[in-house]
N, C-alpha and C. Protein backbone atom coordinates (compact mmCIF):
# COMPACT_ATOMS: atom_id res chain seq x y z
N MET A 1 14.96 5.18 21.93
CA MET A 1 14.30 4.83 20.69
C MET A 1 14.10 3.33 20.55
N ARG A 2 15.06 2.55 20.97
CA ARG A 2 14.93 1.10 20.81
C ARG A 2 13.85 0.53 21.70
N GLY A 3 13.68 1.10 22.89
CA GLY A 3 12.76 0.55 23.86
C GLY A 3 11.30 0.71 23.49
N ASP A 4 10.96 1.62 22.59
CA ASP A 4 9.56 1.83 22.29
C ASP A 4 9.07 1.06 21.06
N LEU A 5 9.85 0.13 20.53
CA LEU A 5 9.40 -0.67 19.40
C LEU A 5 8.23 -1.56 19.81
N GLY A 6 8.31 -2.16 20.96
CA GLY A 6 7.22 -3.01 21.44
C GLY A 6 5.95 -2.21 21.65
N ALA A 7 6.08 -1.01 22.19
CA ALA A 7 4.91 -0.16 22.40
C ALA A 7 4.31 0.27 21.07
N ARG A 8 5.15 0.52 20.08
CA ARG A 8 4.64 0.90 18.76
C ARG A 8 3.89 -0.26 18.11
N ILE A 9 4.42 -1.46 18.26
CA ILE A 9 3.75 -2.64 17.70
C ILE A 9 2.41 -2.86 18.39
N LEU A 10 2.38 -2.71 19.71
CA LEU A 10 1.13 -2.88 20.44
C LEU A 10 0.10 -1.81 20.04
N ALA A 11 0.56 -0.62 19.76
CA ALA A 11 -0.36 0.44 19.33
C ALA A 11 -0.83 0.21 17.90
N ALA A 12 0.00 -0.45 17.10
CA ALA A 12 -0.36 -0.68 15.69
C ALA A 12 -1.43 -1.75 15.53
N ILE A 13 -1.50 -2.69 16.45
CA ILE A 13 -2.46 -3.80 16.31
C ILE A 13 -3.91 -3.29 16.29
N PRO A 14 -4.36 -2.48 17.26
CA PRO A 14 -5.73 -1.98 17.14
C PRO A 14 -5.91 -1.02 15.97
N ALA A 15 -4.86 -0.31 15.60
CA ALA A 15 -4.96 0.60 14.44
C ALA A 15 -5.18 -0.19 13.16
N ILE A 16 -4.51 -1.31 13.02
CA ILE A 16 -4.70 -2.17 11.85
C ILE A 16 -6.11 -2.75 11.83
N ALA A 17 -6.59 -3.19 12.99
CA ALA A 17 -7.95 -3.72 13.08
C ALA A 17 -8.97 -2.64 12.72
N PHE A 18 -8.75 -1.42 13.19
CA PHE A 18 -9.63 -0.30 12.87
C PHE A 18 -9.63 -0.02 11.37
N ALA A 19 -8.46 -0.02 10.75
CA ALA A 19 -8.35 0.24 9.32
C ALA A 19 -9.08 -0.84 8.51
N ILE A 20 -8.90 -2.08 8.89
CA ILE A 20 -9.59 -3.17 8.18
C ILE A 20 -11.09 -3.03 8.33
N PHE A 21 -11.54 -2.68 9.53
CA PHE A 21 -12.98 -2.53 9.79
C PHE A 21 -13.59 -1.43 8.93
N ILE A 22 -12.99 -0.24 8.92
CA ILE A 22 -13.62 0.86 8.17
C ILE A 22 -13.54 0.64 6.67
N VAL A 23 -12.49 0.02 6.18
CA VAL A 23 -12.39 -0.25 4.75
C VAL A 23 -13.42 -1.30 4.34
N GLU A 24 -13.60 -2.32 5.17
CA GLU A 24 -14.55 -3.38 4.85
C GLU A 24 -15.98 -2.86 4.89
N ARG A 25 -16.31 -1.98 5.83
CA ARG A 25 -17.66 -1.44 5.95
C ARG A 25 -17.98 -0.43 4.86
N GLY A 26 -17.02 0.46 4.59
CA GLY A 26 -17.21 1.47 3.55
C GLY A 26 -18.27 2.49 3.92
N GLY A 27 -18.66 3.29 2.94
CA GLY A 27 -19.74 4.26 3.10
C GLY A 27 -19.51 5.27 4.21
N ALA A 28 -20.57 5.50 4.99
CA ALA A 28 -20.53 6.50 6.06
C ALA A 28 -19.56 6.10 7.17
N ILE A 29 -19.44 4.80 7.43
CA ILE A 29 -18.52 4.35 8.48
C ILE A 29 -17.08 4.63 8.06
N PHE A 30 -16.77 4.42 6.79
CA PHE A 30 -15.43 4.73 6.29
C PHE A 30 -15.16 6.23 6.41
N ALA A 31 -16.13 7.05 6.01
CA ALA A 31 -15.95 8.50 6.09
C ALA A 31 -15.76 8.94 7.54
N ALA A 32 -16.53 8.39 8.46
CA ALA A 32 -16.38 8.75 9.87
C ALA A 32 -15.02 8.30 10.41
N GLY A 33 -14.57 7.13 10.00
CA GLY A 33 -13.26 6.66 10.42
C GLY A 33 -12.12 7.50 9.89
N VAL A 34 -12.24 7.91 8.63
CA VAL A 34 -11.22 8.79 8.04
C VAL A 34 -11.23 10.14 8.74
N LEU A 35 -12.41 10.64 9.07
CA LEU A 35 -12.51 11.91 9.79
C LEU A 35 -11.87 11.82 11.17
N ALA A 36 -12.13 10.72 11.88
CA ALA A 36 -11.51 10.53 13.20
C ALA A 36 -9.99 10.45 13.07
N LEU A 37 -9.52 9.72 12.09
CA LEU A 37 -8.08 9.62 11.87
C LEU A 37 -7.48 10.98 11.51
N ALA A 38 -8.18 11.76 10.70
CA ALA A 38 -7.70 13.10 10.34
C ALA A 38 -7.62 14.00 11.57
N PHE A 39 -8.60 13.90 12.47
CA PHE A 39 -8.56 14.71 13.69
C PHE A 39 -7.38 14.32 14.57
N VAL A 40 -7.10 13.02 14.68
CA VAL A 40 -5.95 12.57 15.46
C VAL A 40 -4.65 13.09 14.85
N CYS A 41 -4.55 13.01 13.53
CA CYS A 41 -3.36 13.52 12.84
C CYS A 41 -3.20 15.03 13.01
N LEU A 42 -4.31 15.76 12.95
CA LEU A 42 -4.24 17.20 13.16
C LEU A 42 -3.81 17.53 14.59
N HIS A 43 -4.29 16.75 15.56
CA HIS A 43 -3.86 16.96 16.95
C HIS A 43 -2.34 16.80 17.08
N GLU A 44 -1.80 15.76 16.43
CA GLU A 44 -0.35 15.57 16.46
C GLU A 44 0.37 16.73 15.77
N LEU A 45 -0.16 17.19 14.66
CA LEU A 45 0.45 18.31 13.95
C LEU A 45 0.41 19.57 14.79
N PHE A 46 -0.72 19.81 15.45
CA PHE A 46 -0.84 20.99 16.30
C PHE A 46 0.15 20.96 17.46
N SER A 47 0.38 19.77 18.00
CA SER A 47 1.35 19.68 19.11
C SER A 47 2.77 19.96 18.62
N MET A 48 3.07 19.59 17.38
CA MET A 48 4.40 19.88 16.84
C MET A 48 4.57 21.37 16.54
N TYR A 49 3.47 22.02 16.13
CA TYR A 49 3.53 23.43 15.77
C TYR A 49 2.99 24.34 16.87
N ALA A 50 3.02 23.90 18.11
CA ALA A 50 2.44 24.68 19.21
C ALA A 50 3.07 26.06 19.32
N ARG A 51 4.34 26.16 18.99
CA ARG A 51 5.04 27.43 19.11
C ARG A 51 4.50 28.50 18.17
N VAL A 52 4.03 28.12 16.99
CA VAL A 52 3.52 29.09 16.03
C VAL A 52 2.02 29.31 16.15
N ARG A 53 1.35 28.59 17.06
CA ARG A 53 -0.07 28.74 17.35
C ARG A 53 -0.94 28.65 16.10
N PRO A 54 -1.12 27.45 15.54
CA PRO A 54 -1.95 27.31 14.34
C PRO A 54 -3.43 27.57 14.63
N VAL A 55 -4.17 27.90 13.62
CA VAL A 55 -5.62 28.14 13.75
C VAL A 55 -6.31 26.77 13.69
N ARG A 56 -6.60 26.24 14.85
CA ARG A 56 -7.10 24.87 14.94
C ARG A 56 -8.51 24.72 14.37
N LEU A 57 -9.37 25.65 14.66
CA LEU A 57 -10.75 25.53 14.21
C LEU A 57 -10.82 25.50 12.68
N ALA A 58 -10.06 26.34 12.03
CA ALA A 58 -10.08 26.37 10.56
C ALA A 58 -9.58 25.04 9.99
N ALA A 59 -8.55 24.48 10.58
CA ALA A 59 -8.02 23.20 10.10
C ALA A 59 -9.04 22.09 10.30
N LEU A 60 -9.66 22.03 11.47
CA LEU A 60 -10.64 20.99 11.75
C LEU A 60 -11.86 21.11 10.83
N LEU A 61 -12.35 22.32 10.63
CA LEU A 61 -13.49 22.52 9.74
C LEU A 61 -13.13 22.21 8.28
N GLY A 62 -11.91 22.57 7.88
CA GLY A 62 -11.48 22.28 6.52
C GLY A 62 -11.40 20.79 6.24
N VAL A 63 -10.82 20.05 7.18
CA VAL A 63 -10.72 18.59 7.01
C VAL A 63 -12.11 17.96 7.03
N ALA A 64 -12.96 18.40 7.94
CA ALA A 64 -14.31 17.84 8.00
C ALA A 64 -15.07 18.13 6.70
N GLY A 65 -14.91 19.33 6.16
CA GLY A 65 -15.57 19.66 4.91
C GLY A 65 -15.09 18.81 3.75
N MET A 66 -13.79 18.57 3.69
CA MET A 66 -13.26 17.72 2.60
C MET A 66 -13.75 16.29 2.71
N VAL A 67 -13.80 15.74 3.93
CA VAL A 67 -14.25 14.36 4.09
C VAL A 67 -15.74 14.25 3.75
N VAL A 68 -16.54 15.20 4.21
CA VAL A 68 -17.97 15.17 3.90
C VAL A 68 -18.20 15.32 2.40
N ALA A 69 -17.48 16.24 1.78
CA ALA A 69 -17.63 16.42 0.33
C ALA A 69 -17.24 15.16 -0.43
N ALA A 70 -16.18 14.51 -0.02
CA ALA A 70 -15.75 13.28 -0.69
C ALA A 70 -16.75 12.15 -0.48
N ALA A 71 -17.42 12.14 0.66
CA ALA A 71 -18.39 11.08 0.94
C ALA A 71 -19.71 11.31 0.22
N VAL A 72 -20.06 12.56 -0.04
CA VAL A 72 -21.36 12.88 -0.61
C VAL A 72 -21.34 12.92 -2.13
N VAL A 73 -20.30 13.46 -2.72
CA VAL A 73 -20.25 13.66 -4.17
C VAL A 73 -19.91 12.35 -4.86
N GLU A 74 -20.69 12.02 -5.88
CA GLU A 74 -20.41 10.83 -6.67
C GLU A 74 -19.79 11.26 -7.99
N VAL A 75 -18.65 10.70 -8.30
CA VAL A 75 -17.98 10.99 -9.56
C VAL A 75 -18.23 9.81 -10.49
N PRO A 76 -18.86 10.05 -11.63
CA PRO A 76 -19.13 8.93 -12.54
C PRO A 76 -17.83 8.36 -13.09
N GLN A 77 -17.77 7.06 -13.11
CA GLN A 77 -16.60 6.37 -13.63
C GLN A 77 -16.96 5.76 -14.97
N GLN A 78 -16.05 5.85 -15.92
CA GLN A 78 -16.28 5.20 -17.20
C GLN A 78 -15.18 4.16 -17.38
N HIS A 79 -15.60 2.91 -17.43
CA HIS A 79 -14.64 1.82 -17.57
C HIS A 79 -14.16 1.74 -19.01
N ARG A 80 -12.92 1.39 -19.18
CA ARG A 80 -12.35 1.25 -20.52
C ARG A 80 -12.07 -0.22 -20.79
N MET A 81 -12.34 -0.62 -21.99
CA MET A 81 -12.04 -1.99 -22.43
C MET A 81 -10.56 -2.04 -22.81
N PRO A 82 -9.99 -3.24 -22.94
CA PRO A 82 -8.57 -3.35 -23.28
C PRO A 82 -8.20 -2.67 -24.60
N ASP A 83 -9.15 -2.55 -25.53
CA ASP A 83 -8.83 -1.93 -26.81
C ASP A 83 -8.96 -0.40 -26.76
N GLY A 84 -9.28 0.16 -25.60
CA GLY A 84 -9.37 1.61 -25.45
C GLY A 84 -10.77 2.16 -25.61
N GLU A 85 -11.70 1.33 -26.07
CA GLU A 85 -13.08 1.78 -26.25
C GLU A 85 -13.80 1.81 -24.90
N ALA A 86 -14.81 2.66 -24.81
CA ALA A 86 -15.60 2.73 -23.59
C ALA A 86 -16.41 1.45 -23.43
N ASP A 87 -16.62 1.04 -22.21
CA ASP A 87 -17.39 -0.16 -21.91
C ASP A 87 -18.85 0.09 -22.27
N PRO A 88 -19.47 -0.74 -23.11
CA PRO A 88 -20.87 -0.51 -23.51
C PRO A 88 -21.84 -0.56 -22.34
N GLU A 89 -21.52 -1.28 -21.27
CA GLU A 89 -22.40 -1.32 -20.12
C GLU A 89 -22.52 0.04 -19.45
N ASP A 90 -21.46 0.86 -19.53
CA ASP A 90 -21.51 2.18 -18.93
C ASP A 90 -22.50 3.07 -19.67
N ALA A 91 -22.60 2.93 -20.99
CA ALA A 91 -23.54 3.72 -21.77
C ALA A 91 -24.98 3.34 -21.42
N GLU A 92 -25.18 2.09 -21.03
CA GLU A 92 -26.51 1.62 -20.66
C GLU A 92 -26.84 1.93 -19.21
N GLY A 93 -25.90 2.52 -18.48
CA GLY A 93 -26.12 2.85 -17.08
C GLY A 93 -25.83 1.70 -16.14
N GLY A 94 -25.16 0.67 -16.61
CA GLY A 94 -24.86 -0.47 -15.76
C GLY A 94 -23.50 -0.35 -15.12
N ASP A 95 -23.48 0.12 -13.91
CA ASP A 95 -22.21 0.26 -13.19
C ASP A 95 -21.97 -1.02 -12.40
N ARG A 96 -20.83 -1.66 -12.60
CA ARG A 96 -20.54 -2.93 -11.95
C ARG A 96 -20.66 -2.85 -10.43
N HIS A 97 -20.19 -1.76 -9.85
CA HIS A 97 -20.16 -1.65 -8.40
C HIS A 97 -21.56 -1.49 -7.83
N ARG A 98 -22.44 -0.83 -8.55
CA ARG A 98 -23.81 -0.67 -8.07
C ARG A 98 -24.59 -1.96 -8.18
N ARG A 99 -24.21 -2.83 -9.10
CA ARG A 99 -24.90 -4.11 -9.25
C ARG A 99 -24.36 -5.16 -8.30
N GLY A 100 -23.38 -4.79 -7.47
CA GLY A 100 -22.89 -5.71 -6.47
C GLY A 100 -21.66 -6.49 -6.88
N GLN A 101 -21.18 -6.33 -8.11
CA GLN A 101 -19.97 -7.04 -8.50
C GLN A 101 -18.77 -6.28 -7.98
N ARG A 102 -17.85 -6.97 -7.35
CA ARG A 102 -16.68 -6.32 -6.79
C ARG A 102 -15.44 -6.67 -7.57
N GLY A 103 -14.45 -5.83 -7.44
CA GLY A 103 -13.16 -6.11 -8.04
C GLY A 103 -13.05 -5.52 -9.43
N PRO A 104 -11.84 -5.50 -9.95
CA PRO A 104 -11.60 -4.91 -11.26
C PRO A 104 -12.09 -5.82 -12.38
N LEU A 105 -12.30 -5.22 -13.53
CA LEU A 105 -12.68 -5.98 -14.71
C LEU A 105 -11.49 -6.84 -15.13
N VAL A 106 -11.74 -8.13 -15.27
CA VAL A 106 -10.67 -9.05 -15.64
C VAL A 106 -10.54 -9.02 -17.16
N LEU A 107 -9.31 -8.84 -17.65
CA LEU A 107 -9.10 -8.81 -19.08
C LEU A 107 -9.54 -10.13 -19.70
N GLY A 108 -10.29 -10.02 -20.76
CA GLY A 108 -10.76 -11.22 -21.44
C GLY A 108 -12.07 -11.75 -20.89
N GLN A 109 -12.66 -11.06 -19.92
CA GLN A 109 -13.88 -11.54 -19.30
C GLN A 109 -15.03 -11.58 -20.31
N ARG A 110 -15.12 -10.60 -21.18
CA ARG A 110 -16.20 -10.57 -22.18
C ARG A 110 -16.13 -11.77 -23.11
N GLU A 111 -14.92 -12.11 -23.52
CA GLU A 111 -14.78 -13.24 -24.44
C GLU A 111 -15.25 -14.52 -23.78
N ARG A 112 -14.95 -14.68 -22.49
CA ARG A 112 -15.36 -15.90 -21.78
C ARG A 112 -16.87 -15.92 -21.59
N GLU A 113 -17.50 -14.76 -21.35
CA GLU A 113 -18.94 -14.72 -21.15
C GLU A 113 -19.69 -15.04 -22.44
N GLN A 114 -19.14 -14.68 -23.61
CA GLN A 114 -19.81 -14.89 -24.87
C GLN A 114 -19.71 -16.33 -25.34
N GLU A 115 -18.77 -17.09 -24.81
CA GLU A 115 -18.59 -18.48 -25.26
C GLU A 115 -19.63 -19.40 -24.71
């Protein structure tokens, strides 16, 4: 067990780079990366459960279906203001993420914009 720490660290370096890449790219590349990672994880799970002979095709199709559904379906988000009221921009159809603004709403941002 002690001898494989170096090998684990070496294996983690490209995995970290891959994770950063797919998160930064987002969209279809993120979905494809998550699907590839899910297939690798299922392969490991199948090797652990080889004795009980799991239904591999059903598991692979199920995971692929969930990833595709998550990538295709858009769930509308409604932002809340600090006082609990709905953000008026959401009622106007102005979604911050679609307009290119990134990151969470900073508390007090409206007060600073009005000044």
